[in-house]
Amino acid sequence: MAKRRKNRGMRTVRPLTPEQLARAEDCLLHPARGSRIEAARKYGVDLKLLVEQLRLTPAERARKLELGSMALEQVRGTARRRA
């Protein structure tokens, strides 16, 4: 009989360890031939931006996303008032 997984709710998100970050940076900046990361780079994805985001803590990334969302809402509000 298969075991059922319990719904554990929210997971704690932690920053990458220095070793994890170094490995991720290496994979992104020096992708293996034929990998999906290499295909993304060839397609035009700026992998340096991904590395930049990985250097931030989860809280810093969330705050940056929140600020961007607030800026977008301001632009939408300005556009509605002008219409």
Protein backbone atom coordinates (compact mmCIF):
# COMPACT_ATOMS: atom_id res chain seq x y z
CA MET A 1 0.00 0.00 0.00
CA ALA A 2 1.39 3.40 -0.99
CA LYS A 3 2.16 5.89 1.74
CA ARG A 4 0.18 9.09 1.68
CA ARG A 5 2.08 12.33 1.94
CA LYS A 6 0.84 14.69 4.59
CA ASN A 7 0.12 18.24 3.55
CA ARG A 8 2.74 20.11 5.49
CA GLY A 9 1.63 23.59 4.45
CA MET A 10 4.19 26.30 3.92
CA ARG A 11 7.82 25.29 3.64
CA THR A 12 10.61 27.36 5.07
CA VAL A 13 12.69 28.85 2.28
CA ARG A 14 16.33 29.38 3.14
CA PRO A 15 19.10 31.22 1.32
CA LEU A 16 21.50 29.08 -0.68
CA THR A 17 24.62 27.94 1.10
CA PRO A 18 27.87 29.33 -0.34
CA GLU A 19 28.53 25.92 -1.93
CA GLN A 20 25.06 25.77 -3.50
CA LEU A 21 25.40 29.31 -4.80
CA ALA A 22 28.83 28.59 -6.31
CA ARG A 23 27.49 25.47 -8.04
CA ALA A 24 24.42 27.29 -9.37
CA GLU A 25 26.54 30.19 -10.64
CA ASP A 26 28.90 27.80 -12.39
CA CYS A 27 26.01 25.93 -14.04
CA LEU A 28 24.40 29.17 -15.20
CA LEU A 29 27.52 30.97 -16.37
CA HIS A 30 29.15 27.89 -17.94
CA PRO A 31 26.27 25.70 -19.13
CA ALA A 32 26.95 22.17 -20.35
CA ARG A 33 26.70 21.60 -24.10
CA GLY A 34 23.21 20.60 -25.11
CA SER A 35 21.71 21.47 -21.73
CA ARG A 36 18.47 23.38 -21.26
CA ILE A 37 20.47 26.20 -19.69
CA GLU A 38 22.58 26.50 -22.85
CA ALA A 39 19.39 26.51 -24.93
CA ALA A 40 17.98 29.30 -22.75
CA ARG A 41 21.14 31.36 -23.20
CA LYS A 42 21.04 30.85 -26.98
CA TYR A 43 17.38 31.89 -26.94
CA GLY A 44 18.38 35.15 -25.27
CA VAL A 45 17.80 34.62 -21.56
CA ASP A 46 20.21 36.77 -19.54
CA LEU A 47 21.59 34.19 -17.15
CA LYS A 48 23.57 36.83 -15.24
CA LEU A 49 20.25 38.23 -14.03
CA LEU A 50 19.37 34.81 -12.63
CA VAL A 51 22.70 34.69 -10.81
CA GLU A 52 21.99 38.16 -9.41
CA GLN A 53 18.65 36.96 -8.05
CA LEU A 54 20.20 33.84 -6.52
CA ARG A 55 22.62 36.01 -4.57
CA LEU A 56 19.68 37.61 -2.77
CA THR A 57 17.98 36.00 0.19
CA PRO A 58 14.41 34.77 -0.32
CA ALA A 59 13.19 37.76 1.73
CA GLU A 60 15.16 40.19 -0.44
CA ARG A 61 13.73 38.61 -3.61
CA ALA A 62 10.20 38.84 -2.20
CA ARG A 63 10.70 42.49 -1.26
CA LYS A 64 12.05 43.29 -4.73
CA LEU A 65 9.02 41.58 -6.28
CA GLU A 66 6.69 43.50 -3.98
CA LEU A 67 8.27 46.83 -4.93
CA GLY A 68 7.94 46.00 -8.62
CA SER A 69 4.31 45.08 -8.13
CA MET A 70 3.62 48.36 -6.33
CA ALA A 71 5.28 50.32 -9.15
CA LEU A 72 3.16 48.48 -11.72
CA GLU A 73 -0.02 49.29 -9.79
CA GLN A 74 0.95 52.99 -9.79
CA VAL A 75 1.43 52.90 -13.56
CA ARG A 76 -1.92 51.19 -14.02
CA GLY A 77 -3.62 53.80 -11.84
CA THR A 78 -2.05 56.64 -13.83
CA ALA A 79 -3.13 55.02 -17.11
CA ARG A 80 -6.73 54.62 -15.85
CA ARG A 81 -6.92 58.25 -14.80
CA ARG A 82 -5.71 59.40 -18.22
CA ALA A 83 -8.16 57.20 -20.12
